[in-house]
Each structure stands twice: as structure tokens, then as C-alpha cells.
Amino acid sequence: RGEYIRLQMDLMLLAFQMGITNVVTFMIGPERWDATLMYEGVFEKPVQHHNMTHNQKGDGYKELQKIDLFHMRQYAYLIQRMKEVAEFDGSTMLDNSLIAYGAGLGDGATHQYYDLPMIVAGKAQGRIKQGRFIKMKSGTLNSNLWLTFAQLMGLEIDSYADSTGVVSELWT
């Protein structure tokens, strides 16, 4: 699974380098609820991630945490690779990009879909400052982040999906 994810990430980076695209989305997990997946180096046999999100009682979260850490290692791989790609002006691909990592649910057991943690890497050509934790007001919509990204990329739009504004705290 990790090898597949890293291969897809490498293909995304090649597409950026070749000028084929400037925007990519990559959903790591399948939408099928009952998908059984092998997480090499994590579990000895395939597991169902979705079912694990519903069984966090007692120590159940510890097994789910292993998958979360596995996914974070894949994200770290992408960030490291982007740091290694030099741009013509001496900056790196990471310096000139925005990379979000997050989830569609905050708590799988209750299907809570608000106050989701998101990680944003990259500097968007110096337009955002990294190394910060920004706690948004409870109820802030993810679509606000996507609207912010769109505006940082130069799109002149005032709304996206159900957005209520931009995340102005991201700008430098």
C-alpha cells in the first residue's frame, strides 16, 4: 500500500515538473466502506480501515492510530520529495506549492464532519507562513480553506461550495 501511494505521489510530482498540471487531488483511501487493505509494516494481514474508525472503545483507537501514522509517513514522503525538487530560481517545489492533508470525518464513530484537523504544507511562493498552529473558530468550513487556496492561486472568486469566507490567518 505504501509503495503504491508513493508511486502515485511520484507521478504527481512528475506531472508538476513536466507542466502537465498545476493542481492534483489524491484520495488515499477508497470510498468503499468494506475495502480490505494491506498496510505493510503495520499489520500482518489486511484490515478494514472504515470498520476500525467505528470501534474506538477501550484501546481500539491504538490500532486506528497505526494507520494514521502510516498515512502521515506517506505525506512526509511527499513533502520531502518536494523539498528535493529544485526550481529554476533556486527555490524548491515545496516553496512554490500548497499541499493539504486531512480527512472527511473528525470522528468516524459518530460521523462528526466538523472541526476537522487539516495540515497545510508549502509556502505558496511566500504567500503563507509555515510552522504555525491555527485554531479556527468551531464550525469553520473546509470549503473556506479551499476558497483560500483558490485565491492564493490567483482565481478571482468570492465563494466555493458552501464557504463563508477565507482563512485570512494563512496569509503572511
Foldseek 3Di string as FASTA:
>chain_A
DLVVLLVVLVVVVVCVVVVVDDDDDDDPDDPDQQDWDDLPPQDPGTDRLLVLLQPPPDPSVVSNVSVVVSVVVSVVSSLVVQCVAADPVRHTNLQQDKDKDWDQAPGSNVRHRWQTDMDITGCNNVFFDDDDDDRDDTPQDVQQDVVQVCVSVPDPDAGDDPHDHHPVNGTD
